[in-house]
N, C-alpha and C. Protein backbone atom coordinates (compact mmCIF):
# COMPACT_ATOMS: atom_id res chain seq x y z
N UNK A 1 4.23 -16.06 -1.16
CA UNK A 1 4.04 -14.66 -1.45
C UNK A 1 3.72 -14.43 -2.92
N UNK A 2 4.24 -15.21 -3.83
CA UNK A 2 4.03 -14.97 -5.25
C UNK A 2 2.56 -14.97 -5.64
N UNK A 3 1.72 -15.76 -4.94
CA UNK A 3 0.30 -15.78 -5.28
C UNK A 3 -0.39 -14.48 -4.89
N UNK A 4 0.25 -13.66 -4.04
CA UNK A 4 -0.31 -12.38 -3.62
C UNK A 4 0.30 -11.23 -4.41
N UNK A 5 1.38 -11.48 -5.13
CA UNK A 5 2.07 -10.41 -5.86
C UNK A 5 1.30 -10.07 -7.13
N UNK A 6 1.14 -8.77 -7.35
CA UNK A 6 0.45 -8.27 -8.54
C UNK A 6 1.43 -7.44 -9.35
N UNK A 7 1.51 -7.71 -10.65
CA UNK A 7 2.36 -6.93 -11.55
C UNK A 7 1.50 -5.81 -12.13
N UNK A 8 1.93 -4.57 -11.90
CA UNK A 8 1.18 -3.41 -12.38
C UNK A 8 1.69 -2.92 -13.72
N UNK A 9 3.03 -2.95 -13.91
CA UNK A 9 3.60 -2.39 -15.13
C UNK A 9 4.94 -3.03 -15.42
N UNK A 10 5.07 -3.63 -16.60
CA UNK A 10 6.37 -4.12 -17.06
C UNK A 10 7.20 -2.93 -17.52
N UNK A 11 8.47 -2.91 -17.15
CA UNK A 11 9.35 -1.78 -17.46
C UNK A 11 10.35 -2.21 -18.52
N UNK A 12 10.55 -1.34 -19.52
CA UNK A 12 11.56 -1.63 -20.55
C UNK A 12 12.65 -0.57 -20.49
N UNK A 13 13.59 -0.65 -21.39
CA UNK A 13 14.75 0.25 -21.35
C UNK A 13 14.41 1.68 -21.77
N UNK A 14 13.21 1.92 -22.24
CA UNK A 14 12.82 3.26 -22.69
C UNK A 14 12.26 4.14 -21.58
N UNK A 15 12.07 3.61 -20.38
CA UNK A 15 11.52 4.37 -19.27
C UNK A 15 12.67 4.81 -18.36
N UNK A 16 12.60 6.05 -17.89
CA UNK A 16 13.66 6.56 -17.03
C UNK A 16 13.40 6.18 -15.57
N UNK A 17 14.44 6.29 -14.76
CA UNK A 17 14.29 6.00 -13.34
C UNK A 17 13.27 6.95 -12.72
N UNK A 18 13.31 8.19 -13.10
CA UNK A 18 12.34 9.17 -12.58
C UNK A 18 10.91 8.72 -12.89
N UNK A 19 10.69 8.25 -14.11
CA UNK A 19 9.35 7.79 -14.51
C UNK A 19 8.93 6.56 -13.70
N UNK A 20 9.87 5.67 -13.44
CA UNK A 20 9.58 4.49 -12.62
C UNK A 20 9.16 4.92 -11.22
N UNK A 21 9.93 5.83 -10.62
CA UNK A 21 9.62 6.30 -9.27
C UNK A 21 8.27 7.03 -9.22
N UNK A 22 7.99 7.83 -10.24
CA UNK A 22 6.70 8.53 -10.30
C UNK A 22 5.55 7.53 -10.43
N UNK A 23 5.75 6.51 -11.24
CA UNK A 23 4.71 5.50 -11.43
C UNK A 23 4.49 4.70 -10.14
N UNK A 24 5.57 4.38 -9.43
CA UNK A 24 5.44 3.68 -8.15
C UNK A 24 4.60 4.53 -7.19
N UNK A 25 4.90 5.82 -7.12
CA UNK A 25 4.15 6.72 -6.23
C UNK A 25 2.68 6.78 -6.62
N UNK A 26 2.41 6.87 -7.91
CA UNK A 26 1.03 6.91 -8.41
C UNK A 26 0.28 5.62 -8.06
N UNK A 27 0.91 4.49 -8.29
CA UNK A 27 0.27 3.20 -8.00
C UNK A 27 0.04 3.05 -6.49
N UNK A 28 1.01 3.53 -5.67
CA UNK A 28 0.86 3.45 -4.23
C UNK A 28 -0.33 4.27 -3.77
N UNK A 29 -0.52 5.46 -4.34
CA UNK A 29 -1.66 6.30 -3.97
C UNK A 29 -2.98 5.65 -4.36
N UNK A 30 -2.99 4.94 -5.47
CA UNK A 30 -4.21 4.26 -5.93
C UNK A 30 -4.49 2.98 -5.16
N UNK A 31 -3.46 2.44 -4.49
CA UNK A 31 -3.57 1.17 -3.77
C UNK A 31 -2.96 1.28 -2.38
N UNK A 32 -3.57 2.07 -1.49
CA UNK A 32 -2.96 2.28 -0.17
C UNK A 32 -2.87 1.02 0.69
N UNK A 33 -3.61 -0.01 0.33
CA UNK A 33 -3.58 -1.26 1.08
C UNK A 33 -2.49 -2.22 0.59
N UNK A 34 -1.67 -1.76 -0.38
CA UNK A 34 -0.62 -2.60 -0.94
C UNK A 34 0.74 -1.92 -0.82
N UNK A 35 1.78 -2.71 -0.71
CA UNK A 35 3.17 -2.23 -0.70
C UNK A 35 3.68 -2.33 -2.13
N UNK A 36 4.01 -1.19 -2.74
CA UNK A 36 4.42 -1.14 -4.15
C UNK A 36 5.94 -1.06 -4.23
N UNK A 37 6.53 -1.81 -5.16
CA UNK A 37 7.99 -1.87 -5.29
C UNK A 37 8.39 -2.25 -6.70
N UNK A 38 9.67 -2.01 -7.02
CA UNK A 38 10.22 -2.45 -8.29
C UNK A 38 10.85 -3.81 -8.10
N UNK A 39 10.44 -4.78 -8.89
CA UNK A 39 10.98 -6.14 -8.83
C UNK A 39 11.96 -6.29 -9.99
N UNK A 40 13.24 -6.36 -9.66
CA UNK A 40 14.27 -6.46 -10.68
C UNK A 40 14.23 -7.76 -11.46
N UNK A 41 13.82 -8.85 -10.81
CA UNK A 41 13.73 -10.13 -11.52
C UNK A 41 12.64 -10.09 -12.58
N UNK A 42 11.52 -9.47 -12.24
CA UNK A 42 10.38 -9.37 -13.17
C UNK A 42 10.54 -8.18 -14.13
N UNK A 43 11.46 -7.23 -13.79
CA UNK A 43 11.58 -5.97 -14.52
C UNK A 43 10.21 -5.31 -14.61
N UNK A 44 9.57 -5.19 -13.42
CA UNK A 44 8.21 -4.66 -13.36
C UNK A 44 7.96 -3.98 -12.03
N UNK A 45 6.97 -3.10 -12.03
CA UNK A 45 6.47 -2.51 -10.80
C UNK A 45 5.39 -3.45 -10.29
N UNK A 46 5.58 -3.91 -9.06
CA UNK A 46 4.68 -4.90 -8.48
C UNK A 46 4.18 -4.43 -7.13
N UNK A 47 3.23 -5.18 -6.56
CA UNK A 47 2.78 -4.89 -5.21
C UNK A 47 2.36 -6.17 -4.52
N UNK A 48 2.37 -6.09 -3.19
CA UNK A 48 1.87 -7.16 -2.34
C UNK A 48 0.98 -6.52 -1.27
N UNK A 49 0.05 -7.28 -0.72
CA UNK A 49 -0.79 -6.72 0.33
C UNK A 49 0.03 -6.30 1.54
N UNK A 50 -0.35 -5.18 2.15
CA UNK A 50 0.30 -4.76 3.39
C UNK A 50 -0.15 -5.71 4.49
N UNK A 51 0.76 -5.97 5.39
CA UNK A 51 0.45 -6.83 6.52
C UNK A 51 0.43 -5.99 7.80
N UNK A 52 -0.42 -6.39 8.72
CA UNK A 52 -0.46 -5.70 10.02
C UNK A 52 0.85 -5.93 10.74
N UNK A 53 1.38 -4.92 11.43
CA UNK A 53 2.65 -5.11 12.16
C UNK A 53 2.49 -6.15 13.27
N UNK A 54 3.54 -6.92 13.47
CA UNK A 54 3.52 -7.92 14.53
C UNK A 54 3.75 -7.25 15.87
N UNK A 55 3.11 -7.80 16.90
CA UNK A 55 3.28 -7.26 18.25
C UNK A 55 4.22 -8.08 19.06
């Protein structure tokens, strides 16, 4: 999965939780084909490609 993960924004201690959530929403709207999330290990907003649901 790591080869498919894209880091959009590194987060530091100066950004608020509200700003992180707003940025996640913005990135999700710009990338509807990707699942956007906060990665605590990377301290960054990241995304991975969406996968088709299994049947």
